[in-house]
Full PDB file with SEQRES, HELIX, SHEET, SSBOND, CRYST1, ORIGX, SCALE, CONECT and MASTER records, all heavy atoms in Angstrom:
SEQRES   1 A   44  TYR GLN PRO GLU THR ILE GLU SER LEU THR ASP LEU GLU          
SEQRES   2 A   44  LYS GLN SER LYS ILE SER LEU ALA LYS ILE ARG GLY SER          
SEQRES   3 A   44  VAL SER GLN ILE LYS GLY ASN ILE ILE LYS LEU LYS ASN          
SEQRES   4 A   44  ASP PHE HIS GLU PHE                                          
HELIX    1 AA1 LEU A    9  GLU A   13  1                                   5    
SHEET    1 AA1 2 GLU A   4  THR A   5  0                                        
SHEET    2 AA1 2 ALA A  21  LYS A  22  1                                        
SHEET    1 AA2 2 SER A  26  LYS A  31  0                                        
SHEET    2 AA2 2 ILE A  34  LYS A  38 -1                                        
CRYST1    1.000    1.000    1.000  90.00  90.00  90.00 P 1           1          
ORIGX1      1.000000  0.000000  0.000000        0.00000                         
ORIGX2      0.000000  1.000000  0.000000        0.00000                         
ORIGX3      0.000000  0.000000  1.000000        0.00000                         
SCALE1      1.000000  0.000000  0.000000        0.00000                         
SCALE2      0.000000  1.000000  0.000000        0.00000                         
SCALE3      0.000000  0.000000  1.000000        0.00000                         
ATOM      1  N   TYR A   1     115.618  76.948 121.454  1.00  0.00           N  
ATOM      2  CA  TYR A   1     116.042  78.245 121.014  1.00  0.00           C  
ATOM      3  C   TYR A   1     115.884  79.233 122.115  1.00  0.00           C  
ATOM      4  O   TYR A   1     114.969  79.212 122.884  1.00  0.00           O  
ATOM      5  CB  TYR A   1     115.396  78.724 119.733  1.00  0.00           C  
ATOM      6  CG  TYR A   1     113.851  78.516 119.679  1.00  0.00           C  
ATOM      7  CD1 TYR A   1     113.005  79.393 120.397  1.00  0.00           C  
ATOM      8  CD2 TYR A   1     113.261  77.473 118.990  1.00  0.00           C  
ATOM      9  CE1 TYR A   1     111.686  79.206 120.330  1.00  0.00           C  
ATOM     10  CE2 TYR A   1     111.886  77.326 118.885  1.00  0.00           C  
ATOM     11  CZ  TYR A   1     111.085  78.195 119.693  1.00  0.00           C  
ATOM     12  OH  TYR A   1     109.754  78.072 119.616  1.00  0.00           O  
ATOM     13  N   GLN A   2     116.767  80.248 122.092  1.00  0.00           N  
ATOM     14  CA  GLN A   2     116.727  81.208 123.202  1.00  0.00           C  
ATOM     15  C   GLN A   2     116.443  82.596 122.662  1.00  0.00           C  
ATOM     16  O   GLN A   2     117.237  83.174 121.919  1.00  0.00           O  
ATOM     17  CB  GLN A   2     118.116  81.260 123.902  1.00  0.00           C  
ATOM     18  CG  GLN A   2     118.460  79.998 124.645  1.00  0.00           C  
ATOM     19  CD  GLN A   2     117.525  79.674 125.773  1.00  0.00           C  
ATOM     20  OE1 GLN A   2     117.056  80.584 126.486  1.00  0.00           O  
ATOM     21  NE2 GLN A   2     117.219  78.471 125.975  1.00  0.00           N  
ATOM     22  N   PRO A   3     115.265  83.212 122.998  1.00  0.00           N  
ATOM     23  CA  PRO A   3     114.973  84.545 122.555  1.00  0.00           C  
ATOM     24  C   PRO A   3     115.846  85.615 123.239  1.00  0.00           C  
ATOM     25  O   PRO A   3     116.337  85.346 124.323  1.00  0.00           O  
ATOM     26  CB  PRO A   3     113.530  84.728 122.907  1.00  0.00           C  
ATOM     27  CG  PRO A   3     113.328  83.764 124.053  1.00  0.00           C  
ATOM     28  CD  PRO A   3     114.221  82.644 123.796  1.00  0.00           C  
ATOM     29  N   GLU A   4     116.020  86.727 122.624  1.00  0.00           N  
ATOM     30  CA  GLU A   4     116.819  87.803 123.189  1.00  0.00           C  
ATOM     31  C   GLU A   4     115.988  88.727 124.045  1.00  0.00           C  
ATOM     32  O   GLU A   4     114.931  89.152 123.533  1.00  0.00           O  
ATOM     33  CB  GLU A   4     117.515  88.586 122.045  1.00  0.00           C  
ATOM     34  CG  GLU A   4     118.494  89.600 122.576  1.00  0.00           C  
ATOM     35  CD  GLU A   4     119.303  90.207 121.481  1.00  0.00           C  
ATOM     36  OE1 GLU A   4     119.309  89.704 120.384  1.00  0.00           O  
ATOM     37  OE2 GLU A   4     119.957  91.258 121.721  1.00  0.00           O  
ATOM     38  N   THR A   5     116.347  88.946 125.230  1.00  0.00           N  
ATOM     39  CA  THR A   5     115.575  89.714 126.196  1.00  0.00           C  
ATOM     40  C   THR A   5     115.701  91.242 125.801  1.00  0.00           C  
ATOM     41  O   THR A   5     116.869  91.765 125.677  1.00  0.00           O  
ATOM     42  CB  THR A   5     115.988  89.510 127.577  1.00  0.00           C  
ATOM     43  OG1 THR A   5     115.779  88.106 127.910  1.00  0.00           O  
ATOM     44  CG2 THR A   5     115.146  90.329 128.533  1.00  0.00           C  
ATOM     45  N   ILE A   6     114.590  91.904 125.687  1.00  0.00           N  
ATOM     46  CA  ILE A   6     114.566  93.387 125.392  1.00  0.00           C  
ATOM     47  C   ILE A   6     114.213  94.120 126.648  1.00  0.00           C  
ATOM     48  O   ILE A   6     113.053  94.058 127.071  1.00  0.00           O  
ATOM     49  CB  ILE A   6     113.610  93.681 124.200  1.00  0.00           C  
ATOM     50  CG1 ILE A   6     114.082  92.890 122.961  1.00  0.00           C  
ATOM     51  CG2 ILE A   6     113.562  95.151 123.916  1.00  0.00           C  
ATOM     52  CD1 ILE A   6     113.140  93.116 121.800  1.00  0.00           C  
ATOM     53  N   GLU A   7     115.109  94.848 127.199  1.00  0.00           N  
ATOM     54  CA  GLU A   7     114.898  95.540 128.481  1.00  0.00           C  
ATOM     55  C   GLU A   7     114.999  97.077 128.323  1.00  0.00           C  
ATOM     56  O   GLU A   7     114.734  97.802 129.274  1.00  0.00           O  
ATOM     57  CB  GLU A   7     115.855  95.046 129.494  1.00  0.00           C  
ATOM     58  CG  GLU A   7     115.728  93.570 129.830  1.00  0.00           C  
ATOM     59  CD  GLU A   7     116.718  93.091 130.855  1.00  0.00           C  
ATOM     60  OE1 GLU A   7     117.817  93.743 130.900  1.00  0.00           O  
ATOM     61  OE2 GLU A   7     116.369  92.171 131.566  1.00  0.00           O  
ATOM     62  N   SER A   8     115.201  97.586 127.190  1.00  0.00           N  
ATOM     63  CA  SER A   8     115.321  99.019 126.986  1.00  0.00           C  
ATOM     64  C   SER A   8     115.163  99.385 125.507  1.00  0.00           C  
ATOM     65  O   SER A   8     115.066  98.481 124.707  1.00  0.00           O  
ATOM     66  CB  SER A   8     116.758  99.498 127.375  1.00  0.00           C  
ATOM     67  OG  SER A   8     117.765  98.959 126.515  1.00  0.00           O  
ATOM     68  N   LEU A   9     115.042 100.649 125.257  1.00  0.00           N  
ATOM     69  CA  LEU A   9     114.822 101.166 123.926  1.00  0.00           C  
ATOM     70  C   LEU A   9     116.078 100.878 123.067  1.00  0.00           C  
ATOM     71  O   LEU A   9     116.027 100.528 121.891  1.00  0.00           O  
ATOM     72  CB  LEU A   9     114.536 102.652 123.969  1.00  0.00           C  
ATOM     73  CG  LEU A   9     114.099 103.318 122.569  1.00  0.00           C  
ATOM     74  CD1 LEU A   9     112.853 102.662 122.029  1.00  0.00           C  
ATOM     75  CD2 LEU A   9     113.956 104.800 122.776  1.00  0.00           C  
ATOM     76  N   THR A  10     117.262 100.887 123.714  1.00  0.00           N  
ATOM     77  CA  THR A  10     118.495 100.574 122.971  1.00  0.00           C  
ATOM     78  C   THR A  10     118.471  99.119 122.533  1.00  0.00           C  
ATOM     79  O   THR A  10     118.799  98.776 121.393  1.00  0.00           O  
ATOM     80  CB  THR A  10     119.644 100.833 123.871  1.00  0.00           C  
ATOM     81  OG1 THR A  10     119.692 102.127 124.274  1.00  0.00           O  
ATOM     82  CG2 THR A  10     120.963 100.552 123.098  1.00  0.00           C  
ATOM     83  N   ASP A  11     118.040  98.238 123.384  1.00  0.00           N  
ATOM     84  CA  ASP A  11     117.905  96.779 123.028  1.00  0.00           C  
ATOM     85  C   ASP A  11     116.942  96.635 121.857  1.00  0.00           C  
ATOM     86  O   ASP A  11     117.190  95.858 120.914  1.00  0.00           O  
ATOM     87  CB  ASP A  11     117.422  95.955 124.209  1.00  0.00           C  
ATOM     88  CG  ASP A  11     118.434  95.855 125.338  1.00  0.00           C  
ATOM     89  OD1 ASP A  11     119.630  96.146 125.061  1.00  0.00           O  
ATOM     90  OD2 ASP A  11     117.932  95.602 126.481  1.00  0.00           O  
ATOM     91  N   LEU A  12     115.829  97.400 121.924  1.00  0.00           N  
ATOM     92  CA  LEU A  12     114.809  97.272 120.810  1.00  0.00           C  
ATOM     93  C   LEU A  12     115.334  97.755 119.535  1.00  0.00           C  
ATOM     94  O   LEU A  12     115.035  97.162 118.500  1.00  0.00           O  
ATOM     95  CB  LEU A  12     113.519  98.104 121.268  1.00  0.00           C  
ATOM     96  CG  LEU A  12     112.379  98.043 120.384  1.00  0.00           C  
ATOM     97  CD1 LEU A  12     111.850  96.700 120.188  1.00  0.00           C  
ATOM     98  CD2 LEU A  12     111.290  99.057 120.863  1.00  0.00           C  
ATOM     99  N   GLU A  13     116.052  98.824 119.531  1.00  0.00           N  
ATOM    100  CA  GLU A  13     116.591  99.394 118.260  1.00  0.00           C  
ATOM    101  C   GLU A  13     117.610  98.498 117.638  1.00  0.00           C  
ATOM    102  O   GLU A  13     117.795  98.543 116.423  1.00  0.00           O  
ATOM    103  CB  GLU A  13     117.244 100.812 118.557  1.00  0.00           C  
ATOM    104  CG  GLU A  13     116.162 101.881 118.843  1.00  0.00           C  
ATOM    105  CD  GLU A  13     116.796 103.154 119.353  1.00  0.00           C  
ATOM    106  OE1 GLU A  13     117.941 103.141 119.645  1.00  0.00           O  
ATOM    107  OE2 GLU A  13     116.050 104.183 119.407  1.00  0.00           O  
ATOM    108  N   LYS A  14     118.218  97.619 118.382  1.00  0.00           N  
ATOM    109  CA  LYS A  14     119.176  96.674 117.810  1.00  0.00           C  
ATOM    110  C   LYS A  14     118.580  95.467 117.120  1.00  0.00           C  
ATOM    111  O   LYS A  14     119.275  94.812 116.407  1.00  0.00           O  
ATOM    112  CB  LYS A  14     120.126  96.191 118.936  1.00  0.00           C  
ATOM    113  CG  LYS A  14     121.025  97.254 119.502  1.00  0.00           C  
ATOM    114  CD  LYS A  14     121.861  96.642 120.610  1.00  0.00           C  
ATOM    115  CE  LYS A  14     122.775  97.694 121.271  1.00  0.00           C  
ATOM    116  NZ  LYS A  14     123.580  97.084 122.439  1.00  0.00           N  
ATOM    117  N   GLN A  15     117.250  95.285 117.379  1.00  0.00           N  
ATOM    118  CA  GLN A  15     116.603  94.121 116.735  1.00  0.00           C  
ATOM    119  C   GLN A  15     116.391  94.289 115.329  1.00  0.00           C  
ATOM    120  O   GLN A  15     116.151  95.402 114.794  1.00  0.00           O  
ATOM    121  CB  GLN A  15     115.236  93.881 117.525  1.00  0.00           C  
ATOM    122  CG  GLN A  15     115.390  93.585 118.994  1.00  0.00           C  
ATOM    123  CD  GLN A  15     116.159  92.292 119.224  1.00  0.00           C  
ATOM    124  OE1 GLN A  15     115.987  91.247 118.725  1.00  0.00           O  
ATOM    125  NE2 GLN A  15     117.272  92.455 120.048  1.00  0.00           N  
ATOM    126  N   SER A  16     116.360  93.231 114.590  1.00  0.00           N  
ATOM    127  CA  SER A  16     116.018  93.168 113.228  1.00  0.00           C  
ATOM    128  C   SER A  16     114.529  93.376 113.018  1.00  0.00           C  
ATOM    129  O   SER A  16     113.772  93.469 113.947  1.00  0.00           O  
ATOM    130  CB  SER A  16     116.425  91.889 112.478  1.00  0.00           C  
ATOM    131  OG  SER A  16     117.784  91.599 112.715  1.00  0.00           O  
ATOM    132  N   LYS A  17     114.147  93.628 111.728  1.00  0.00           N  
ATOM    133  CA  LYS A  17     112.608  93.762 111.515  1.00  0.00           C  
ATOM    134  C   LYS A  17     111.862  92.628 112.025  1.00  0.00           C  
ATOM    135  O   LYS A  17     110.670  92.789 112.492  1.00  0.00           O  
ATOM    136  CB  LYS A  17     112.417  93.948 110.011  1.00  0.00           C  
ATOM    137  CG  LYS A  17     113.047  95.276 109.413  1.00  0.00           C  
ATOM    138  CD  LYS A  17     112.134  96.485 109.767  1.00  0.00           C  
ATOM    139  CE  LYS A  17     112.646  97.704 109.010  1.00  0.00           C  
ATOM    140  NZ  LYS A  17     112.414  97.708 107.574  1.00  0.00           N  
ATOM    141  N   ILE A  18     112.414  91.400 111.909  1.00  0.00           N  
ATOM    142  CA  ILE A  18     111.748  90.237 112.529  1.00  0.00           C  
ATOM    143  C   ILE A  18     112.788  89.521 113.385  1.00  0.00           C  
ATOM    144  O   ILE A  18     113.940  89.219 112.888  1.00  0.00           O  
ATOM    145  CB  ILE A  18     111.233  89.280 111.417  1.00  0.00           C  
ATOM    146  CG1 ILE A  18     110.387  89.988 110.408  1.00  0.00           C  
ATOM    147  CG2 ILE A  18     110.548  88.080 112.064  1.00  0.00           C  
ATOM    148  CD1 ILE A  18     109.888  89.065 109.270  1.00  0.00           C  
ATOM    149  N   SER A  19     112.494  89.298 114.637  1.00  0.00           N  
ATOM    150  CA  SER A  19     113.446  88.746 115.527  1.00  0.00           C  
ATOM    151  C   SER A  19     112.747  87.825 116.560  1.00  0.00           C  
ATOM    152  O   SER A  19     111.550  87.815 116.713  1.00  0.00           O  
ATOM    153  CB  SER A  19     114.189  89.722 116.244  1.00  0.00           C  
ATOM    154  OG  SER A  19     113.381  90.552 117.061  1.00  0.00           O  
ATOM    155  N   LEU A  20     113.540  86.944 117.223  1.00  0.00           N  
ATOM    156  CA  LEU A  20     113.063  86.078 118.282  1.00  0.00           C  
ATOM    157  C   LEU A  20     113.339  86.828 119.593  1.00  0.00           C  
ATOM    158  O   LEU A  20     114.471  87.033 119.918  1.00  0.00           O  
ATOM    159  CB  LEU A  20     113.645  84.731 118.282  1.00  0.00           C  
ATOM    160  CG  LEU A  20     113.154  83.724 119.274  1.00  0.00           C  
ATOM    161  CD1 LEU A  20     111.714  83.422 119.045  1.00  0.00           C  
ATOM    162  CD2 LEU A  20     113.995  82.445 119.214  1.00  0.00           C  
ATOM    163  N   ALA A  21     112.353  87.274 120.309  1.00  0.00           N  
ATOM    164  CA  ALA A  21     112.548  88.154 121.433  1.00  0.00           C  
ATOM    165  C   ALA A  21     111.728  87.800 122.661  1.00  0.00           C  
ATOM    166  O   ALA A  21     110.717  87.068 122.579  1.00  0.00           O  
ATOM    167  CB  ALA A  21     112.355  89.631 120.997  1.00  0.00           C  
ATOM    168  N   LYS A  22     112.114  88.431 123.797  1.00  0.00           N  
ATOM    169  CA  LYS A  22     111.379  88.291 125.010  1.00  0.00           C  
ATOM    170  C   LYS A  22     111.117  89.679 125.591  1.00  0.00           C  
ATOM    171  O   LYS A  22     112.138  90.446 125.699  1.00  0.00           O  
ATOM    172  CB  LYS A  22     112.027  87.452 126.046  1.00  0.00           C  
ATOM    173  CG  LYS A  22     111.352  87.319 127.390  1.00  0.00           C  
ATOM    174  CD  LYS A  22     112.167  86.650 128.470  1.00  0.00           C  
ATOM    175  CE  LYS A  22     112.326  85.122 128.213  1.00  0.00           C  
ATOM    176  NZ  LYS A  22     113.074  84.492 129.378  1.00  0.00           N  
ATOM    177  N   ILE A  23     109.922  89.995 125.935  1.00  0.00           N  
ATOM    178  CA  ILE A  23     109.594  91.329 126.525  1.00  0.00           C  
ATOM    179  C   ILE A  23     108.878  91.155 127.843  1.00  0.00           C  
ATOM    180  O   ILE A  23     108.352  90.072 128.128  1.00  0.00           O  
ATOM    181  CB  ILE A  23     108.758  92.135 125.596  1.00  0.00           C  
ATOM    182  CG1 ILE A  23     107.406  91.450 125.271  1.00  0.00           C  
ATOM    183  CG2 ILE A  23     109.548  92.452 124.252  1.00  0.00           C  
ATOM    184  CD1 ILE A  23     106.467  92.306 124.466  1.00  0.00           C  
ATOM    185  N   ARG A  24     108.867  92.272 128.669  1.00  0.00           N  
ATOM    186  CA  ARG A  24     108.051  92.266 129.878  1.00  0.00           C  
ATOM    187  C   ARG A  24     107.209  93.520 129.918  1.00  0.00           C  
ATOM    188  O   ARG A  24     107.689  94.535 129.310  1.00  0.00           O  
ATOM    189  CB  ARG A  24     108.990  92.243 131.026  1.00  0.00           C  
ATOM    190  CG  ARG A  24     109.820  90.959 131.224  1.00  0.00           C  
ATOM    191  CD  ARG A  24     110.581  90.953 132.610  1.00  0.00           C  
ATOM    192  NE  ARG A  24     111.315  89.788 132.777  1.00  0.00           N  
ATOM    193  CZ  ARG A  24     111.960  89.459 133.895  1.00  0.00           C  
ATOM    194  NH1 ARG A  24     111.968  90.361 134.876  1.00  0.00           N  
ATOM    195  NH2 ARG A  24     112.664  88.344 134.035  1.00  0.00           N  
ATOM    196  N   GLY A  25     106.072  93.549 130.595  1.00  0.00           N  
ATOM    197  CA  GLY A  25     105.312  94.637 130.648  1.00  0.00           C  
ATOM    198  C   GLY A  25     103.987  94.437 131.346  1.00  0.00           C  
ATOM    199  O   GLY A  25     103.804  93.368 131.938  1.00  0.00           O  
ATOM    200  N   SER A  26     103.172  95.449 131.430  1.00  0.00           N  
ATOM    201  CA  SER A  26     101.986  95.465 132.202  1.00  0.00           C  
ATOM    202  C   SER A  26     100.706  95.447 131.227  1.00  0.00           C  
ATOM    203  O   SER A  26     100.725  96.098 130.236  1.00  0.00           O  
ATOM    204  CB  SER A  26     101.792  96.665 133.020  1.00  0.00           C  
ATOM    205  OG  SER A  26     100.611  96.686 133.716  1.00  0.00           O  
ATOM    206  N   VAL A  27      99.804  94.481 131.475  1.00  0.00           N  
ATOM    207  CA  VAL A  27      98.613  94.334 130.634  1.00  0.00           C  
ATOM    208  C   VAL A  27      97.750  95.592 130.771  1.00  0.00           C  
ATOM    209  O   VAL A  27      97.459  95.969 131.913  1.00  0.00           O  
ATOM    210  CB  VAL A  27      97.862  93.108 130.952  1.00  0.00           C  
ATOM    211  CG1 VAL A  27      96.587  92.981 130.128  1.00  0.00           C  
ATOM    212  CG2 VAL A  27      98.754  91.823 130.764  1.00  0.00           C  
ATOM    213  N   SER A  28      97.334  96.232 129.699  1.00  0.00           N  
ATOM    214  CA  SER A  28      96.503  97.348 129.727  1.00  0.00           C  
ATOM    215  C   SER A  28      95.173  97.143 129.050  1.00  0.00           C  
ATOM    216  O   SER A  28      94.182  97.833 129.371  1.00  0.00           O  
ATOM    217  CB  SER A  28      97.256  98.605 129.093  1.00  0.00           C  
ATOM    218  OG  SER A  28      97.501  98.315 127.723  1.00  0.00           O  
ATOM    219  N   GLN A  29      95.065  96.148 128.212  1.00  0.00           N  
ATOM    220  CA  GLN A  29      93.864  95.892 127.473  1.00  0.00           C  
ATOM    221  C   GLN A  29      93.867  94.532 126.814  1.00  0.00           C  
ATOM    222  O   GLN A  29      94.976  93.978 126.433  1.00  0.00           O  
ATOM    223  CB  GLN A  29      93.647  96.995 126.346  1.00  0.00           C  
ATOM    224  CG  GLN A  29      92.433  96.868 125.552  1.00  0.00           C  
ATOM    225  CD  GLN A  29      92.378  97.875 124.411  1.00  0.00           C  
ATOM    226  OE1 GLN A  29      93.315  98.488 124.145  1.00  0.00           O  
ATOM    227  NE2 GLN A  29      91.159  97.955 123.766  1.00  0.00           N  
ATOM    228  N   ILE A  30      92.660  93.927 126.688  1.00  0.00           N  
ATOM    229  CA  ILE A  30      92.535  92.792 125.878  1.00  0.00           C  
ATOM    230  C   ILE A  30      91.318  92.854 125.031  1.00  0.00           C  
ATOM    231  O   ILE A  30      90.232  93.392 125.534  1.00  0.00           O  
ATOM    232  CB  ILE A  30      92.421  91.495 126.736  1.00  0.00           C  
ATOM    233  CG1 ILE A  30      92.431  90.213 125.924  1.00  0.00           C  
ATOM    234  CG2 ILE A  30      91.186  91.457 127.642  1.00  0.00           C  
ATOM    235  CD1 ILE A  30      92.632  88.964 126.654  1.00  0.00           C  
ATOM    236  N   LYS A  31      91.386  92.479 123.819  1.00  0.00           N  
ATOM    237  CA  LYS A  31      90.215  92.510 122.872  1.00  0.00           C  
ATOM    238  C   LYS A  31      90.298  91.291 121.990  1.00  0.00           C  
ATOM    239  O   LYS A  31      91.212  91.242 121.074  1.00  0.00           O  
ATOM    240  CB  LYS A  31      90.244  93.792 122.137  1.00  0.00           C  
ATOM    241  CG  LYS A  31      88.967  94.066 121.400  1.00  0.00           C  
ATOM    242  CD  LYS A  31      88.936  95.463 120.781  1.00  0.00           C  
ATOM    243  CE  LYS A  31      87.645  95.686 120.041  1.00  0.00           C  
ATOM    244  NZ  LYS A  31      87.551  97.096 119.433  1.00  0.00           N  
ATOM    245  N   GLY A  32      89.487  90.306 122.095  1.00  0.00           N  
ATOM    246  CA  GLY A  32      89.551  89.115 121.299  1.00  0.00           C  
ATOM    247  C   GLY A  32      90.906  88.417 121.673  1.00  0.00           C  
ATOM    248  O   GLY A  32      91.193  88.070 122.814  1.00  0.00           O  
ATOM    249  N   ASN A  33      91.739  88.069 120.613  1.00  0.00           N  
ATOM    250  CA  ASN A  33      93.025  87.405 120.822  1.00  0.00           C  
ATOM    251  C   ASN A  33      94.156  88.435 120.890  1.00  0.00           C  
ATOM    252  O   ASN A  33      95.336  88.007 120.662  1.00  0.00           O  
ATOM    253  CB  ASN A  33      93.212  86.329 119.825  1.00  0.00           C  
ATOM    254  CG  ASN A  33      93.193  86.905 118.430  1.00  0.00           C  
ATOM    255  OD1 ASN A  33      93.159  88.158 118.197  1.00  0.00           O  
ATOM    256  ND2 ASN A  33      93.158  86.028 117.409  1.00  0.00           N  
ATOM    257  N   ILE A  34      93.920  89.695 121.168  1.00  0.00           N  
ATOM    258  CA  ILE A  34      94.884  90.695 121.175  1.00  0.00           C  
ATOM    259  C   ILE A  34      95.116  91.261 122.631  1.00  0.00           C  
ATOM    260  O   ILE A  34      94.130  91.640 123.292  1.00  0.00           O  
ATOM    261  CB  ILE A  34      94.583  91.885 120.250  1.00  0.00           C  
ATOM    262  CG1 ILE A  34      94.477  91.369 118.829  1.00  0.00           C  
ATOM    263  CG2 ILE A  34      95.690  92.942 120.358  1.00  0.00           C  
ATOM    264  CD1 ILE A  34      95.735  90.838 118.218  1.00  0.00           C  
ATOM    265  N   ILE A  35      96.300  91.358 123.156  1.00  0.00           N  
ATOM    266  CA  ILE A  35      96.675  91.967 124.399  1.00  0.00           C  
ATOM    267  C   ILE A  35      97.540  93.127 124.152  1.00  0.00           C  
ATOM    268  O   ILE A  35      98.521  93.058 123.360  1.00  0.00           O  
ATOM    269  CB  ILE A  35      97.258  90.929 125.349  1.00  0.00           C  
ATOM    270  CG1 ILE A  35      96.301  89.846 125.796  1.00  0.00           C  
ATOM    271  CG2 ILE A  35      97.878  91.657 126.554  1.00  0.00           C  
ATOM    272  CD1 ILE A  35      96.961  88.812 126.681  1.00  0.00           C  
ATOM    273  N   LYS A  36      97.267  94.246 124.854  1.00  0.00           N  
ATOM    274  CA  LYS A  36      98.237  95.346 124.861  1.00  0.00           C  
ATOM    275  C   LYS A  36      99.101  95.333 126.012  1.00  0.00           C  
ATOM    276  O   LYS A  36      98.655  95.102 127.176  1.00  0.00           O  
ATOM    277  CB  LYS A  36      97.394  96.658 124.805  1.00  0.00           C  
ATOM    278  CG  LYS A  36      96.616  96.908 123.587  1.00  0.00           C  
ATOM    279  CD  LYS A  36      97.513  97.169 122.396  1.00  0.00           C  
ATOM    280  CE  LYS A  36      96.661  97.552 121.158  1.00  0.00           C  
ATOM    281  NZ  LYS A  36      97.441  97.767 119.932  1.00  0.00           N  
ATOM    282  N   LEU A  37     100.366  95.342 125.832  1.00  0.00           N  
ATOM    283  CA  LEU A  37     101.398  95.247 126.940  1.00  0.00           C  
ATOM    284  C   LEU A  37     102.257  96.510 126.920  1.00  0.00           C  
ATOM    285  O   LEU A  37     102.889  96.790 125.907  1.00  0.00           O  
ATOM    286  CB  LEU A  37     102.177  93.975 126.693  1.00  0.00           C  
ATOM    287  CG  LEU A  37     102.974  93.469 127.949  1.00  0.00           C  
ATOM    288  CD1 LEU A  37     101.941  92.801 128.925  1.00  0.00           C  
ATOM    289  CD2 LEU A  37     103.939  92.347 127.556  1.00  0.00           C  
ATOM    290  N   LYS A  38     102.348  97.221 128.059  1.00  0.00           N  
ATOM    291  CA  LYS A  38     103.125  98.418 128.154  1.00  0.00           C  
ATOM    292  C   LYS A  38     104.307  98.200 129.144  1.00  0.00           C  
ATOM    293  O   LYS A  38     104.180  97.569 130.097  1.00  0.00           O  
ATOM    294  CB  LYS A  38     102.292  99.578 128.573  1.00  0.00           C  
ATOM    295  CG  LYS A  38     101.287 100.083 127.570  1.00  0.00           C  
ATOM    296  CD  LYS A  38     100.586 101.314 128.105  1.00  0.00           C  
ATOM    297  CE  LYS A  38      99.595 101.911 127.072  1.00  0.00           C  
ATOM    298  NZ  LYS A  38      98.854 103.102 127.563  1.00  0.00           N  
ATOM    299  N   ASN A  39     105.405  98.877 128.800  1.00  0.00           N  
ATOM    300  CA  ASN A  39     106.536  98.928 129.745  1.00  0.00           C  
ATOM    301  C   ASN A  39     107.098 100.363 129.688  1.00  0.00           C  
ATOM    302  O   ASN A  39     106.441 101.260 129.225  1.00  0.00           O  
ATOM    303  CB  ASN A  39     107.547  97.875 129.477  1.00  0.00           C  
ATOM    304  CG  ASN A  39     108.100  97.961 128.030  1.00  0.00           C  
ATOM    305  OD1 ASN A  39     108.149  98.936 127.429  1.00  0.00           O  
ATOM    306  ND2 ASN A  39     108.586  96.792 127.552  1.00  0.00           N  
ATOM    307  N   ASP A  40     108.216 100.574 130.260  1.00  0.00           N  
ATOM    308  CA  ASP A  40     108.823 101.935 130.443  1.00  0.00           C  
ATOM    309  C   ASP A  40     109.164 102.568 129.142  1.00  0.00           C  
ATOM    310  O   ASP A  40     109.311 103.792 129.048  1.00  0.00           O  
ATOM    311  CB  ASP A  40     110.068 101.863 131.301  1.00  0.00           C  
ATOM    312  CG  ASP A  40     109.712 101.519 132.748  1.00  0.00           C  
ATOM    313  OD1 ASP A  40     108.499 101.647 133.082  1.00  0.00           O  
ATOM    314  OD2 ASP A  40     110.590 101.005 133.399  1.00  0.00           O  
ATOM    315  N   PHE A  41     109.397 101.768 128.040  1.00  0.00           N  
ATOM    316  CA  PHE A  41     109.888 102.415 126.748  1.00  0.00           C  
ATOM    317  C   PHE A  41     109.067 102.214 125.537  1.00  0.00           C  
ATOM    318  O   PHE A  41     109.245 102.836 124.530  1.00  0.00           O  
ATOM    319  CB  PHE A  41     111.279 101.882 126.459  1.00  0.00           C  
ATOM    320  CG  PHE A  41     111.381 100.365 126.365  1.00  0.00           C  
ATOM    321  CD1 PHE A  41     111.277  99.727 125.226  1.00  0.00           C  
ATOM    322  CD2 PHE A  41     111.749  99.625 127.542  1.00  0.00           C  
ATOM    323  CE1 PHE A  41     111.409  98.369 125.111  1.00  0.00           C  
ATOM    324  CE2 PHE A  41     111.825  98.243 127.464  1.00  0.00           C  
ATOM    325  CZ  PHE A  41     111.654  97.570 126.234  1.00  0.00           C  
ATOM    326  N   HIS A  42     108.015 101.310 125.657  1.00  0.00           N  
ATOM    327  CA  HIS A  42     107.128 101.096 124.440  1.00  0.00           C  
ATOM    328  C   HIS A  42     105.869 100.363 124.784  1.00  0.00           C  
ATOM    329  O   HIS A  42     105.764  99.810 125.821  1.00  0.00           O  
ATOM    330  CB  HIS A  42     107.908 100.391 123.392  1.00  0.00           C  
ATOM    331  CG  HIS A  42     107.670 100.919 121.925  1.00  0.00           C  
ATOM    332  ND1 HIS A  42     106.469 100.892 121.275  1.00  0.00           N  
ATOM    333  CD2 HIS A  42     108.447 101.648 121.104  1.00  0.00           C  
ATOM    334  CE1 HIS A  42     106.554 101.452 120.180  1.00  0.00           C  
ATOM    335  NE2 HIS A  42     107.759 102.016 120.027  1.00  0.00           N  
ATOM    336  N   GLU A  43     104.922 100.354 123.872  1.00  0.00           N  
ATOM    337  CA  GLU A  43     103.732  99.518 123.952  1.00  0.00           C  
ATOM    338  C   GLU A  43     103.780  98.433 122.898  1.00  0.00           C  
ATOM    339  O   GLU A  43     104.171  98.740 121.726  1.00  0.00           O  
ATOM    340  CB  GLU A  43     102.459 100.332 123.749  1.00  0.00           C  
ATOM    341  CG  GLU A  43     101.213  99.500 123.871  1.00  0.00           C  
ATOM    342  CD  GLU A  43      99.965 100.320 123.631  1.00  0.00           C  
ATOM    343  OE1 GLU A  43      99.741 100.789 122.560  1.00  0.00           O  
ATOM    344  OE2 GLU A  43      99.206 100.462 124.652  1.00  0.00           O  
ATOM    345  N   PHE A  44     103.481  97.246 123.248  1.00  0.00           N  
ATOM    346  CA  PHE A  44     103.532  96.038 122.365  1.00  0.00           C  
ATOM    347  C   PHE A  44     102.182  95.456 122.211  1.00  0.00           C  
ATOM    348  O   PHE A  44     101.339  95.422 123.082  1.00  0.00           O  
ATOM    349  CB  PHE A  44     104.494  94.966 122.870  1.00  0.00           C  
ATOM    350  CG  PHE A  44     105.923  95.403 123.041  1.00  0.00           C  
ATOM    351  CD1 PHE A  44     106.386  96.137 124.117  1.00  0.00           C  
ATOM    352  CD2 PHE A  44     106.842  95.052 121.999  1.00  0.00           C  
ATOM    353  CE1 PHE A  44     107.684  96.497 124.250  1.00  0.00           C  
ATOM    354  CE2 PHE A  44     108.149  95.436 122.125  1.00  0.00           C  
ATOM    355  CZ  PHE A  44     108.545  96.168 123.297  1.00  0.00           C  
TER     356      PHE A  44                                                      
MASTER        0    0    0    1    4    0    0    6  355    1    0    4          
END                                                                             
């Protein structure tokens, strides 16, 4: 299966409440099994 690449806020807004996606970003924090990932338009 092929996830849909999200590269902008517009791409993100088009996604359903639950979707198969691919994102990119910079690691800002890790705590346990949780990683915070930031890019130009959002934090994941």
